[in-house]
Amino acid sequence: MLGRWFSGGRDLSGGQWQKIALGRAFMRDCELIVLDEPTAALDAENEMRVFEQFRALTEDRMAVLISHRFSTVRMADRIFVIEGGTITESGSHADLVARGGTYARLFALQAESYR
């Protein structure tokens, strides 16, 4: 039994719960998968593994991935920047960086912390 709410249940870490939720999402036979910050509680190595599997499992499906992490976002076929509830930019990672808009500015800010 998983979860403290069960008598004798075992609690999991945030990353472990996240892995279970992802496994459940990928086991369902659906045409659309929506994931909101799906790897926020995972370390970099496990995040990479999840996204390798994610690509394979969503090959013939549509997936909406909501994230603030550019390491996650840049793999998307199409990226939408939402500001104040409105889509202000859309395109591939390369397109958006080349345009020099909000996406490019935020990407540069996040990338700077890795230098």
Protein backbone atom coordinates (compact mmCIF):
# COMPACT_ATOMS: atom_id res chain seq x y z
CA MET A 1 0.00 0.00 0.00
CA LEU A 2 1.41 3.36 -1.02
CA GLY A 3 0.58 6.55 0.81
CA ARG A 4 0.46 7.59 4.44
CA TRP A 5 -3.34 7.72 4.34
CA PHE A 6 -3.43 3.88 4.39
CA SER A 7 -2.86 2.02 7.63
CA GLY A 8 0.69 0.71 7.31
CA GLY A 9 1.06 2.46 3.96
CA ARG A 10 4.50 3.47 2.75
CA ASP A 11 5.12 7.02 1.66
CA LEU A 12 7.31 7.79 -1.33
CA SER A 13 9.52 10.72 -2.23
CA GLY A 14 8.25 13.36 -4.66
CA GLY A 15 10.38 11.86 -7.44
CA GLN A 16 9.04 8.36 -6.77
CA TRP A 17 5.42 9.58 -6.90
CA GLN A 18 6.27 11.41 -10.13
CA LYS A 19 7.65 8.22 -11.70
CA ILE A 20 4.48 6.31 -10.77
CA ALA A 21 2.28 9.05 -12.27
CA LEU A 22 4.31 9.04 -15.49
CA GLY A 23 4.12 5.25 -15.70
CA ARG A 24 0.34 5.40 -15.33
CA ALA A 25 0.06 8.08 -18.01
CA PHE A 26 2.15 6.09 -20.49
CA MET A 27 0.27 2.82 -19.86
CA ARG A 28 -3.04 4.34 -20.95
CA ASP A 29 -4.00 4.01 -24.59
CA CYS A 30 -4.85 7.63 -25.33
CA GLU A 31 -4.28 9.99 -28.22
CA LEU A 32 -3.31 13.00 -26.08
CA ILE A 33 -1.03 13.15 -23.06
CA VAL A 34 -0.83 16.34 -20.97
CA LEU A 35 2.09 16.64 -18.54
CA ASP A 36 2.69 19.62 -16.26
CA GLU A 37 6.30 19.85 -15.04
CA PRO A 38 6.60 16.04 -15.25
CA THR A 39 10.20 15.81 -14.06
CA ALA A 40 10.38 18.65 -11.53
CA ALA A 41 11.18 16.26 -8.66
CA LEU A 42 13.68 14.13 -10.59
CA ASP A 43 17.44 14.41 -10.74
CA ALA A 44 19.12 15.14 -14.09
CA GLU A 45 19.96 11.50 -14.85
CA ASN A 46 16.42 10.25 -14.25
CA GLU A 47 15.00 13.24 -16.12
CA MET A 48 17.04 12.23 -19.17
CA ARG A 49 15.79 8.64 -18.93
CA VAL A 50 12.18 9.78 -18.66
CA PHE A 51 12.45 11.98 -21.74
CA GLU A 52 14.15 9.24 -23.77
CA GLN A 53 11.16 7.03 -22.99
CA PHE A 54 8.77 9.95 -23.45
CA ARG A 55 9.93 10.46 -27.04
CA ALA A 56 9.47 6.77 -27.87
CA LEU A 57 6.09 6.48 -26.14
CA THR A 58 4.63 9.60 -27.74
CA GLU A 59 5.88 8.95 -31.26
CA ASP A 60 2.37 8.40 -32.66
CA ARG A 61 0.53 10.54 -30.11
CA MET A 62 0.11 14.17 -29.32
CA ALA A 63 1.64 15.41 -26.08
CA VAL A 64 1.31 18.76 -24.36
CA LEU A 65 4.23 19.40 -22.05
CA ILE A 66 4.06 22.36 -19.67
CA SER A 67 7.42 23.38 -18.26
CA HIS A 68 9.64 26.29 -17.26
CA ARG A 69 12.80 24.22 -17.69
CA PHE A 70 14.47 24.86 -21.02
CA SER A 71 16.27 21.51 -20.91
CA THR A 72 12.77 20.04 -21.15
CA VAL A 73 11.21 22.58 -23.49
CA ARG A 74 13.88 22.62 -26.19
CA MET A 75 13.10 19.03 -27.27
CA ALA A 76 9.54 19.94 -28.26
CA ASP A 77 8.53 20.05 -31.92
CA ARG A 78 6.65 23.27 -31.28
CA ILE A 79 7.02 25.63 -28.34
CA PHE A 80 4.43 28.18 -27.23
CA VAL A 81 5.37 31.09 -24.98
CA ILE A 82 2.44 32.23 -22.85
CA GLU A 83 2.50 35.65 -21.24
CA GLY A 84 -0.48 37.04 -19.34
CA GLY A 85 -2.67 34.21 -20.61
CA THR A 86 -1.86 34.93 -24.28
CA ILE A 87 0.37 33.05 -26.69
CA THR A 88 3.02 35.59 -27.64
CA GLU A 89 5.53 33.39 -29.50
CA SER A 90 5.55 29.97 -31.12
CA GLY A 91 8.02 27.88 -33.08
CA SER A 92 10.92 25.49 -32.61
CA HIS A 93 13.71 26.14 -30.12
CA ALA A 94 16.03 27.33 -32.91
CA ASP A 95 13.35 29.63 -34.39
CA LEU A 96 12.56 31.24 -31.05
CA VAL A 97 16.20 31.77 -30.10
CA ALA A 98 16.86 33.35 -33.51
CA ARG A 99 13.92 35.76 -33.06
CA GLY A 100 15.45 37.21 -29.91
CA GLY A 101 12.14 37.60 -28.04
CA THR A 102 11.01 36.53 -24.60
CA TYR A 103 11.92 32.88 -25.15
CA ALA A 104 15.45 33.77 -26.25
CA ARG A 105 15.91 36.09 -23.27
CA LEU A 106 14.70 33.52 -20.74
CA PHE A 107 16.70 30.73 -22.38
CA ALA A 108 19.86 32.87 -22.14
CA LEU A 109 19.14 33.59 -18.46
CA GLN A 110 18.74 29.91 -17.64
CA ALA A 111 21.75 28.89 -19.76
CA GLU A 112 23.94 31.46 -17.99
CA SER A 113 23.52 29.61 -14.69
CA TYR A 114 25.20 26.55 -16.28
CA ARG A 115 28.36 28.46 -17.29
